Amino acid sequence: MATNTLIKNQLKNLQHFAPNIVGEFIYLWKDRQYDPPKEQREILKKLATDSTEHLNKRSLYSHLLGTYRILKKWNSSEEICLAGLYHSIYGTYSYRKSLVNLEQRGIIKAAIGSDAEKLVYYYCLEDRKHFSYNFEQVNEFKLINYRDNKEIILTQTELSALISSGLIPRRSRRIIEK
């Protein structure tokens, strides 16, 4: 039961930030003090994120930088910030454009480390409809891979990292309202 309480508390903390997230993105869009290291920005540009369109006609690069800046401002660990910086590089359930093939995960691991890359991998495969299953669990946490419908077992630490990074579906955050 302690695990369930921990997860719900993390979601409540995240929800505190959620109402202001659009304002955060707008404010941080040009705020360089929260920029990722130059090396990371260069890698993203080599992957063509600056010429790839994301939502609202913005570049994927702009979106990824905005995500990193918000996580940095929230004092997230560098691992979580880097996961946010690359969070949709493999494509996702709702953003199907993949700039790096899953067979090339080693490229991203080399850039951000194995632990951060694993969070990116989980986020990119996650079937958003099933994520809230985890909030009723105590010991076993899982994602459903939207590409092949297979289960991916998560540790509590991995689930916590996905939650605290904000790399969870908005629909699942509403679970805490119950």
N, C-alpha and C. Protein backbone atom coordinates (compact mmCIF):
# COMPACT_ATOMS: atom_id res chain seq x y z
N MET A 1 0.82 -1.20 0.00
CA MET A 1 0.00 0.00 0.00
C MET A 1 0.86 1.26 0.00
N ALA A 2 2.05 1.16 0.59
CA ALA A 2 2.94 2.32 0.62
C ALA A 2 3.34 2.75 -0.78
N THR A 3 3.49 1.78 -1.67
CA THR A 3 3.85 2.09 -3.05
C THR A 3 2.74 2.91 -3.70
N ASN A 4 1.50 2.49 -3.51
CA ASN A 4 0.37 3.20 -4.09
C ASN A 4 0.31 4.63 -3.56
N THR A 5 0.56 4.82 -2.28
CA THR A 5 0.57 6.15 -1.68
C THR A 5 1.70 6.99 -2.26
N LEU A 6 2.88 6.40 -2.42
CA LEU A 6 4.02 7.11 -3.00
C LEU A 6 3.68 7.60 -4.41
N ILE A 7 3.11 6.72 -5.21
CA ILE A 7 2.77 7.08 -6.58
C ILE A 7 1.73 8.20 -6.60
N LYS A 8 0.70 8.08 -5.78
CA LYS A 8 -0.33 9.12 -5.75
C LYS A 8 0.23 10.46 -5.27
N ASN A 9 1.16 10.42 -4.31
CA ASN A 9 1.79 11.66 -3.86
C ASN A 9 2.62 12.30 -4.97
N GLN A 10 3.33 11.48 -5.74
CA GLN A 10 4.10 12.02 -6.86
C GLN A 10 3.17 12.66 -7.87
N LEU A 11 2.04 12.02 -8.13
CA LEU A 11 1.09 12.59 -9.08
C LEU A 11 0.50 13.90 -8.56
N LYS A 12 0.23 13.97 -7.27
CA LYS A 12 -0.29 15.22 -6.71
C LYS A 12 0.74 16.34 -6.85
N ASN A 13 2.01 16.03 -6.59
CA ASN A 13 3.06 17.03 -6.76
C ASN A 13 3.14 17.49 -8.21
N LEU A 14 3.06 16.55 -9.13
CA LEU A 14 3.10 16.88 -10.55
C LEU A 14 1.89 17.72 -10.93
N GLN A 15 0.73 17.38 -10.39
CA GLN A 15 -0.49 18.11 -10.73
C GLN A 15 -0.38 19.58 -10.29
N HIS A 16 0.37 19.83 -9.23
CA HIS A 16 0.60 21.21 -8.78
C HIS A 16 1.19 22.05 -9.91
N PHE A 17 2.09 21.44 -10.70
CA PHE A 17 2.74 22.15 -11.80
C PHE A 17 1.88 22.20 -13.05
N ALA A 18 1.02 21.21 -13.25
CA ALA A 18 0.30 21.04 -14.51
C ALA A 18 -0.51 22.26 -14.95
N PRO A 19 -1.25 22.95 -14.08
CA PRO A 19 -2.04 24.09 -14.56
C PRO A 19 -1.20 25.18 -15.21
N ASN A 20 0.06 25.28 -14.82
CA ASN A 20 0.92 26.33 -15.34
C ASN A 20 1.87 25.86 -16.43
N ILE A 21 1.69 24.65 -16.91
CA ILE A 21 2.68 24.08 -17.82
C ILE A 21 2.77 24.85 -19.14
N VAL A 22 1.66 25.33 -19.67
CA VAL A 22 1.70 26.10 -20.91
C VAL A 22 2.46 27.39 -20.68
N GLY A 23 2.17 28.06 -19.57
CA GLY A 23 2.91 29.27 -19.23
C GLY A 23 4.38 28.99 -19.05
N GLU A 24 4.70 27.86 -18.43
CA GLU A 24 6.10 27.46 -18.25
C GLU A 24 6.79 27.31 -19.60
N PHE A 25 6.13 26.62 -20.53
CA PHE A 25 6.72 26.43 -21.86
C PHE A 25 6.98 27.77 -22.53
N ILE A 26 6.01 28.66 -22.48
CA ILE A 26 6.16 29.96 -23.14
C ILE A 26 7.29 30.75 -22.49
N TYR A 27 7.32 30.78 -21.16
CA TYR A 27 8.35 31.51 -20.44
C TYR A 27 9.74 30.93 -20.70
N LEU A 28 9.83 29.61 -20.66
CA LEU A 28 11.13 28.95 -20.77
C LEU A 28 11.61 28.79 -22.21
N TRP A 29 10.74 29.05 -23.17
CA TRP A 29 11.10 28.85 -24.57
C TRP A 29 12.38 29.60 -24.93
N LYS A 30 12.56 30.78 -24.35
CA LYS A 30 13.75 31.59 -24.65
C LYS A 30 14.70 31.73 -23.47
N ASP A 31 14.40 31.07 -22.37
CA ASP A 31 15.22 31.20 -21.16
C ASP A 31 16.41 30.25 -21.22
N ARG A 32 17.57 30.78 -21.54
CA ARG A 32 18.77 29.97 -21.77
C ARG A 32 19.41 29.43 -20.49
N GLN A 33 19.03 29.94 -19.33
CA GLN A 33 19.68 29.47 -18.10
C GLN A 33 19.37 28.00 -17.82
N TYR A 34 18.31 27.47 -18.42
CA TYR A 34 17.94 26.07 -18.22
C TYR A 34 18.26 25.21 -19.45
N ASP A 35 19.09 25.72 -20.33
CA ASP A 35 19.44 24.97 -21.54
C ASP A 35 20.20 23.69 -21.22
N PRO A 36 20.01 22.66 -22.03
CA PRO A 36 20.84 21.47 -21.90
C PRO A 36 22.26 21.78 -22.36
N PRO A 37 23.21 20.92 -22.03
CA PRO A 37 24.59 21.14 -22.49
C PRO A 37 24.66 21.26 -24.01
N LYS A 38 25.61 22.05 -24.47
CA LYS A 38 25.78 22.30 -25.91
C LYS A 38 25.91 20.99 -26.69
N GLU A 39 26.64 20.04 -26.14
CA GLU A 39 26.82 18.74 -26.79
C GLU A 39 25.46 18.06 -27.06
N GLN A 40 24.56 18.15 -26.11
CA GLN A 40 23.23 17.54 -26.29
C GLN A 40 22.43 18.27 -27.37
N ARG A 41 22.53 19.59 -27.39
CA ARG A 41 21.82 20.35 -28.42
C ARG A 41 22.35 20.00 -29.81
N GLU A 42 23.66 19.82 -29.91
CA GLU A 42 24.26 19.46 -31.21
C GLU A 42 23.82 18.07 -31.66
N ILE A 43 23.73 17.13 -30.73
CA ILE A 43 23.27 15.78 -31.08
C ILE A 43 21.84 15.85 -31.61
N LEU A 44 20.99 16.60 -30.93
CA LEU A 44 19.59 16.72 -31.38
C LEU A 44 19.52 17.32 -32.78
N LYS A 45 20.35 18.30 -33.05
CA LYS A 45 20.36 18.90 -34.39
C LYS A 45 20.85 17.91 -35.44
N LYS A 46 21.86 17.10 -35.10
CA LYS A 46 22.33 16.07 -36.03
C LYS A 46 21.24 15.05 -36.33
N LEU A 47 20.34 14.86 -35.39
CA LEU A 47 19.22 13.93 -35.59
C LEU A 47 18.05 14.60 -36.32
N ALA A 48 18.25 15.83 -36.76
CA ALA A 48 17.27 16.59 -37.55
C ALA A 48 16.02 16.99 -36.77
N THR A 49 16.14 17.13 -35.46
CA THR A 49 14.97 17.56 -34.69
C THR A 49 14.60 19.01 -35.00
N ASP A 50 15.58 19.81 -35.41
CA ASP A 50 15.30 21.22 -35.71
C ASP A 50 14.56 21.40 -37.03
N SER A 51 14.58 20.39 -37.89
CA SER A 51 13.86 20.48 -39.16
C SER A 51 12.66 19.52 -39.21
N THR A 52 12.33 18.94 -38.07
CA THR A 52 11.19 18.03 -37.97
C THR A 52 10.06 18.74 -37.24
N GLU A 53 8.90 18.73 -37.84
CA GLU A 53 7.76 19.43 -37.24
C GLU A 53 7.15 18.61 -36.11
N HIS A 54 6.82 19.31 -35.05
CA HIS A 54 6.08 18.71 -33.94
C HIS A 54 4.68 19.31 -33.98
N LEU A 55 4.01 19.35 -32.87
CA LEU A 55 2.66 19.91 -32.82
C LEU A 55 2.70 21.44 -32.98
N ASN A 56 1.61 22.01 -33.41
CA ASN A 56 1.48 23.46 -33.55
C ASN A 56 2.55 24.09 -34.42
N LYS A 57 3.05 23.34 -35.38
CA LYS A 57 4.03 23.83 -36.37
C LYS A 57 5.40 24.16 -35.78
N ARG A 58 5.59 23.90 -34.49
CA ARG A 58 6.91 24.11 -33.89
C ARG A 58 7.82 22.96 -34.28
N SER A 59 9.10 23.19 -34.15
CA SER A 59 10.03 22.09 -34.43
C SER A 59 10.07 21.14 -33.23
N LEU A 60 10.41 19.90 -33.51
CA LEU A 60 10.59 18.93 -32.44
C LEU A 60 11.71 19.40 -31.51
N TYR A 61 12.73 19.99 -32.06
CA TYR A 61 13.85 20.52 -31.28
C TYR A 61 13.35 21.51 -30.22
N SER A 62 12.52 22.43 -30.63
CA SER A 62 11.97 23.43 -29.71
C SER A 62 11.17 22.75 -28.59
N HIS A 63 10.37 21.76 -28.96
CA HIS A 63 9.56 21.04 -27.98
C HIS A 63 10.45 20.30 -26.98
N LEU A 64 11.47 19.61 -27.48
CA LEU A 64 12.36 18.84 -26.60
C LEU A 64 13.14 19.76 -25.66
N LEU A 65 13.62 20.90 -26.18
CA LEU A 65 14.31 21.86 -25.33
C LEU A 65 13.38 22.39 -24.25
N GLY A 66 12.15 22.70 -24.62
CA GLY A 66 11.17 23.19 -23.65
C GLY A 66 10.92 22.18 -22.54
N THR A 67 10.85 20.92 -22.91
CA THR A 67 10.65 19.86 -21.92
C THR A 67 11.83 19.80 -20.96
N TYR A 68 13.04 19.82 -21.49
CA TYR A 68 14.25 19.79 -20.66
C TYR A 68 14.26 20.99 -19.71
N ARG A 69 13.96 22.16 -20.24
CA ARG A 69 14.01 23.39 -19.42
C ARG A 69 13.03 23.33 -18.26
N ILE A 70 11.83 22.82 -18.51
CA ILE A 70 10.85 22.71 -17.43
C ILE A 70 11.34 21.74 -16.37
N LEU A 71 11.82 20.58 -16.80
CA LEU A 71 12.31 19.59 -15.83
C LEU A 71 13.49 20.15 -15.04
N LYS A 72 14.37 20.89 -15.71
CA LYS A 72 15.53 21.49 -15.04
C LYS A 72 15.06 22.52 -14.01
N LYS A 73 14.09 23.33 -14.40
CA LYS A 73 13.57 24.35 -13.48
C LYS A 73 12.92 23.70 -12.26
N TRP A 74 12.33 22.53 -12.45
CA TRP A 74 11.71 21.79 -11.34
C TRP A 74 12.75 21.06 -10.49
N ASN A 75 14.04 21.26 -10.80
CA ASN A 75 15.13 20.61 -10.07
C ASN A 75 15.12 19.09 -10.18
N SER A 76 14.69 18.59 -11.33
CA SER A 76 14.73 17.15 -11.58
C SER A 76 16.18 16.72 -11.74
N SER A 77 16.43 15.45 -11.53
CA SER A 77 17.79 14.93 -11.72
C SER A 77 18.19 15.09 -13.19
N GLU A 78 19.49 15.09 -13.44
CA GLU A 78 19.97 15.22 -14.82
C GLU A 78 19.49 14.04 -15.67
N GLU A 79 19.41 12.86 -15.07
CA GLU A 79 18.90 11.68 -15.78
C GLU A 79 17.48 11.92 -16.29
N ILE A 80 16.64 12.47 -15.44
CA ILE A 80 15.25 12.74 -15.84
C ILE A 80 15.20 13.88 -16.85
N CYS A 81 16.01 14.90 -16.67
CA CYS A 81 16.05 16.00 -17.64
C CYS A 81 16.47 15.50 -19.02
N LEU A 82 17.47 14.62 -19.06
CA LEU A 82 17.92 14.07 -20.35
C LEU A 82 16.86 13.16 -20.96
N ALA A 83 16.16 12.41 -20.14
CA ALA A 83 15.05 11.59 -20.66
C ALA A 83 14.00 12.51 -21.28
N GLY A 84 13.70 13.62 -20.63
CA GLY A 84 12.75 14.58 -21.18
C GLY A 84 13.25 15.19 -22.48
N LEU A 85 14.55 15.41 -22.57
CA LEU A 85 15.14 16.01 -23.76
C LEU A 85 15.00 15.11 -24.99
N TYR A 86 14.97 13.81 -24.78
CA TYR A 86 14.88 12.86 -25.90
C TYR A 86 13.56 12.10 -25.91
N HIS A 87 12.58 12.52 -25.12
CA HIS A 87 11.42 11.69 -24.83
C HIS A 87 10.63 11.17 -26.03
N SER A 88 10.67 11.81 -27.15
CA SER A 88 9.90 11.29 -28.30
C SER A 88 10.78 10.99 -29.51
N ILE A 89 12.05 10.76 -29.28
CA ILE A 89 12.99 10.55 -30.38
C ILE A 89 12.70 9.27 -31.16
N TYR A 90 12.09 8.28 -30.50
CA TYR A 90 11.73 7.03 -31.18
C TYR A 90 10.30 7.06 -31.72
N GLY A 91 9.62 8.19 -31.55
CA GLY A 91 8.20 8.24 -31.86
C GLY A 91 7.43 7.77 -30.64
N THR A 92 6.15 8.11 -30.57
CA THR A 92 5.33 7.70 -29.43
C THR A 92 3.96 7.27 -29.90
N TYR A 93 3.14 6.88 -28.95
CA TYR A 93 1.76 6.47 -29.22
C TYR A 93 1.01 7.57 -29.97
N SER A 94 1.24 8.82 -29.59
CA SER A 94 0.50 9.92 -30.22
C SER A 94 1.33 10.73 -31.22
N TYR A 95 2.63 10.54 -31.24
CA TYR A 95 3.50 11.24 -32.19
C TYR A 95 4.34 10.17 -32.89
N ARG A 96 3.87 9.73 -34.02
CA ARG A 96 4.42 8.52 -34.66
C ARG A 96 5.70 8.75 -35.46
N LYS A 97 6.20 9.95 -35.49
CA LYS A 97 7.40 10.24 -36.27
C LYS A 97 8.65 9.83 -35.48
N SER A 98 9.36 8.84 -35.97
CA SER A 98 10.56 8.33 -35.31
C SER A 98 11.80 8.84 -36.02
N LEU A 99 12.68 9.50 -35.28
CA LEU A 99 13.94 9.98 -35.86
C LEU A 99 15.08 9.00 -35.64
N VAL A 100 14.92 8.13 -34.67
CA VAL A 100 15.92 7.09 -34.41
C VAL A 100 15.17 5.77 -34.31
N ASN A 101 15.61 4.80 -35.07
CA ASN A 101 15.03 3.47 -35.09
C ASN A 101 15.33 2.76 -33.77
N LEU A 102 14.40 1.95 -33.29
CA LEU A 102 14.62 1.23 -32.04
C LEU A 102 15.84 0.31 -32.09
N GLU A 103 16.20 -0.14 -33.27
CA GLU A 103 17.39 -0.97 -33.42
C GLU A 103 18.67 -0.15 -33.20
N GLN A 104 18.53 1.17 -33.17
CA GLN A 104 19.68 2.07 -32.99
C GLN A 104 19.69 2.70 -31.59
N ARG A 105 19.09 2.04 -30.62
CA ARG A 105 19.03 2.58 -29.26
C ARG A 105 20.40 2.91 -28.70
N GLY A 106 21.42 2.22 -29.15
CA GLY A 106 22.78 2.46 -28.67
C GLY A 106 23.24 3.89 -28.88
N ILE A 107 22.76 4.52 -29.94
CA ILE A 107 23.11 5.92 -30.22
C ILE A 107 22.62 6.82 -29.09
N ILE A 108 21.38 6.59 -28.66
CA ILE A 108 20.80 7.42 -27.60
C ILE A 108 21.42 7.05 -26.25
N LYS A 109 21.67 5.76 -26.02
CA LYS A 109 22.34 5.34 -24.77
C LYS A 109 23.69 6.02 -24.64
N ALA A 110 24.43 6.08 -25.73
CA ALA A 110 25.75 6.73 -25.70
C ALA A 110 25.63 8.22 -25.41
N ALA A 111 24.55 8.83 -25.86
CA ALA A 111 24.37 10.28 -25.69
C ALA A 111 23.91 10.66 -24.28
N ILE A 112 23.02 9.84 -23.69
CA ILE A 112 22.41 10.25 -22.41
C ILE A 112 22.56 9.24 -21.28
N GLY A 113 23.11 8.08 -21.56
CA GLY A 113 23.27 7.05 -20.53
C GLY A 113 22.14 6.04 -20.57
N SER A 114 22.42 4.86 -20.07
CA SER A 114 21.47 3.74 -20.13
C SER A 114 20.17 4.00 -19.36
N ASP A 115 20.28 4.56 -18.15
CA ASP A 115 19.08 4.75 -17.34
C ASP A 115 18.13 5.77 -17.95
N ALA A 116 18.66 6.88 -18.43
CA ALA A 116 17.81 7.90 -19.07
C ALA A 116 17.22 7.35 -20.36
N GLU A 117 18.02 6.61 -21.12
CA GLU A 117 17.53 6.06 -22.39
C GLU A 117 16.41 5.05 -22.14
N LYS A 118 16.52 4.30 -21.05
CA LYS A 118 15.47 3.32 -20.74
C LYS A 118 14.13 4.03 -20.50
N LEU A 119 14.16 5.18 -19.84
CA LEU A 119 12.94 5.96 -19.63
C LEU A 119 12.38 6.45 -20.97
N VAL A 120 13.26 6.89 -21.85
CA VAL A 120 12.83 7.33 -23.19
C VAL A 120 12.19 6.16 -23.93
N TYR A 121 12.82 5.02 -23.87
CA TYR A 121 12.32 3.81 -24.52
C TYR A 121 10.93 3.45 -24.00
N TYR A 122 10.77 3.44 -22.68
CA TYR A 122 9.47 3.13 -22.09
C TYR A 122 8.41 4.13 -22.53
N TYR A 123 8.76 5.40 -22.47
CA TYR A 123 7.80 6.44 -22.86
C TYR A 123 7.37 6.28 -24.31
N CYS A 124 8.31 5.96 -25.16
CA CYS A 124 7.99 5.85 -26.59
C CYS A 124 7.13 4.63 -26.91
N LEU A 125 7.21 3.59 -26.13
CA LEU A 125 6.44 2.38 -26.40
C LEU A 125 5.09 2.33 -25.69
N GLU A 126 4.94 3.14 -24.69
CA GLU A 126 3.79 3.08 -23.79
C GLU A 126 2.46 3.31 -24.50
N ASP A 127 1.54 2.37 -24.30
CA ASP A 127 0.16 2.53 -24.77
C ASP A 127 -0.56 3.33 -23.68
N ARG A 128 -0.84 4.57 -23.96
CA ARG A 128 -1.37 5.50 -22.96
C ARG A 128 -2.67 5.01 -22.30
N LYS A 129 -3.44 4.20 -23.00
CA LYS A 129 -4.73 3.76 -22.46
C LYS A 129 -4.57 2.85 -21.24
N HIS A 130 -3.43 2.22 -21.08
CA HIS A 130 -3.25 1.22 -20.03
C HIS A 130 -2.40 1.68 -18.86
N PHE A 131 -1.86 2.87 -18.91
CA PHE A 131 -0.91 3.29 -17.89
C PHE A 131 -1.52 3.37 -16.49
N SER A 132 -2.77 3.79 -16.39
CA SER A 132 -3.39 3.98 -15.07
C SER A 132 -3.52 2.67 -14.30
N TYR A 133 -3.38 1.54 -14.96
CA TYR A 133 -3.37 0.24 -14.28
C TYR A 133 -2.39 0.25 -13.11
N ASN A 134 -1.29 0.91 -13.27
CA ASN A 134 -0.21 0.90 -12.27
C ASN A 134 -0.59 1.55 -10.95
N PHE A 135 -1.58 2.41 -10.94
CA PHE A 135 -1.93 3.13 -9.72
C PHE A 135 -2.69 2.27 -8.72
N GLU A 136 -3.14 1.12 -9.16
CA GLU A 136 -3.85 0.20 -8.27
C GLU A 136 -2.94 -0.95 -7.83
N GLN A 137 -1.70 -0.95 -8.27
CA GLN A 137 -0.78 -2.05 -7.99
C GLN A 137 0.11 -1.74 -6.80
N VAL A 138 0.63 -2.80 -6.20
CA VAL A 138 1.55 -2.65 -5.08
C VAL A 138 2.94 -3.14 -5.46
N ASN A 139 3.02 -4.25 -6.17
CA ASN A 139 4.31 -4.85 -6.47
C ASN A 139 4.66 -4.92 -7.94
N GLU A 140 3.69 -5.11 -8.78
CA GLU A 140 3.98 -5.30 -10.20
C GLU A 140 3.49 -4.12 -11.02
N PHE A 141 4.41 -3.50 -11.72
CA PHE A 141 4.08 -2.35 -12.55
C PHE A 141 4.43 -2.70 -13.99
N LYS A 142 3.63 -2.22 -14.91
CA LYS A 142 3.90 -2.58 -16.30
C LYS A 142 3.39 -1.52 -17.26
N LEU A 143 3.96 -1.58 -18.44
CA LEU A 143 3.49 -0.80 -19.58
C LEU A 143 3.04 -1.81 -20.62
N ILE A 144 2.15 -1.38 -21.48
CA ILE A 144 1.77 -2.19 -22.64
C ILE A 144 2.39 -1.51 -23.85
N ASN A 145 3.21 -2.25 -24.57
CA ASN A 145 3.86 -1.75 -25.78
C ASN A 145 2.78 -1.58 -26.85
N TYR A 146 2.55 -0.35 -27.29
CA TYR A 146 1.49 -0.11 -28.27
C TYR A 146 1.82 -0.73 -29.63
N ARG A 147 3.08 -1.02 -29.89
CA ARG A 147 3.46 -1.56 -31.19
C ARG A 147 3.17 -3.05 -31.33
N ASP A 148 3.30 -3.79 -30.22
CA ASP A 148 3.08 -5.24 -30.31
C ASP A 148 2.19 -5.79 -29.20
N ASN A 149 1.64 -4.92 -28.36
CA ASN A 149 0.76 -5.28 -27.24
C ASN A 149 1.41 -6.17 -26.19
N LYS A 150 2.72 -6.24 -26.15
CA LYS A 150 3.40 -7.03 -25.12
C LYS A 150 3.59 -6.19 -23.87
N GLU A 151 3.61 -6.89 -22.73
CA GLU A 151 3.84 -6.21 -21.45
C GLU A 151 5.32 -5.96 -21.23
N ILE A 152 5.62 -4.82 -20.64
CA ILE A 152 6.97 -4.48 -20.22
C ILE A 152 6.89 -4.26 -18.71
N ILE A 153 7.60 -5.08 -17.95
CA ILE A 153 7.57 -4.97 -16.49
C ILE A 153 8.50 -3.83 -16.05
N LEU A 154 7.99 -3.00 -15.14
CA LEU A 154 8.74 -1.86 -14.61
C LEU A 154 9.07 -2.08 -13.14
N THR A 155 10.18 -1.53 -12.71
CA THR A 155 10.46 -1.49 -11.28
C THR A 155 9.74 -0.27 -10.70
N GLN A 156 9.62 -0.23 -9.39
CA GLN A 156 9.00 0.93 -8.75
C GLN A 156 9.82 2.18 -9.05
N THR A 157 11.13 2.05 -9.07
CA THR A 157 12.01 3.19 -9.37
C THR A 157 11.76 3.72 -10.77
N GLU A 158 11.61 2.83 -11.74
CA GLU A 158 11.35 3.25 -13.12
C GLU A 158 10.00 3.94 -13.23
N LEU A 159 8.98 3.36 -12.58
CA LEU A 159 7.66 3.98 -12.60
C LEU A 159 7.71 5.36 -11.94
N SER A 160 8.40 5.46 -10.81
CA SER A 160 8.54 6.75 -10.13
C SER A 160 9.23 7.78 -11.01
N ALA A 161 10.27 7.35 -11.72
CA ALA A 161 10.99 8.27 -12.61
C ALA A 161 10.09 8.75 -13.74
N LEU A 162 9.28 7.86 -14.31
CA LEU A 162 8.34 8.28 -15.36
C LEU A 162 7.33 9.28 -14.83
N ILE A 163 6.86 9.05 -13.62
CA ILE A 163 5.87 9.95 -13.02
C ILE A 163 6.50 11.30 -12.68
N SER A 164 7.63 11.28 -11.98
CA SER A 164 8.22 12.55 -11.54
C SER A 164 8.75 13.38 -12.69
N SER A 165 9.04 12.73 -13.81
CA SER A 165 9.52 13.48 -14.98
C SER A 165 8.37 14.10 -15.76
N GLY A 166 7.16 13.71 -15.42
CA GLY A 166 6.03 14.20 -16.20
C GLY A 166 5.84 13.39 -17.47
N LEU A 167 6.62 12.34 -17.65
CA LEU A 167 6.52 11.52 -18.86
C LEU A 167 5.45 10.45 -18.69
N ILE A 168 4.27 10.90 -18.30
CA ILE A 168 3.13 10.01 -18.22
C ILE A 168 1.97 10.69 -18.93
N PRO A 169 1.02 9.92 -19.38
CA PRO A 169 -0.10 10.53 -20.10
C PRO A 169 -0.97 11.39 -19.19
N ARG A 170 -1.44 12.50 -19.71
CA ARG A 170 -2.30 13.40 -18.93
C ARG A 170 -3.55 12.69 -18.42
N ARG A 171 -4.12 11.82 -19.23
CA ARG A 171 -5.32 11.10 -18.83
C ARG A 171 -5.06 10.32 -17.54
N SER A 172 -3.90 9.72 -17.41
CA SER A 172 -3.57 8.94 -16.22
C SER A 172 -3.41 9.81 -14.99
N ARG A 173 -3.03 11.05 -15.15
CA ARG A 173 -2.87 11.95 -14.00
C ARG A 173 -4.21 12.19 -13.32
N ARG A 174 -5.29 12.10 -14.06
CA ARG A 174 -6.62 12.36 -13.49
C ARG A 174 -7.04 11.30 -12.49
N ILE A 175 -6.36 10.17 -12.47
CA ILE A 175 -6.67 9.09 -11.55
C ILE A 175 -6.64 9.57 -10.11
N ILE A 176 -5.77 10.51 -9.80
CA ILE A 176 -5.63 10.96 -8.41
C ILE A 176 -6.84 11.75 -7.94
N GLU A 177 -7.69 12.15 -8.85
CA GLU A 177 -8.89 12.89 -8.47
C GLU A 177 -9.89 11.98 -7.75
N LYS A 178 -9.78 10.68 -7.98
CA LYS A 178 -10.76 9.74 -7.42
C LYS A 178 -10.67 9.65 -5.92
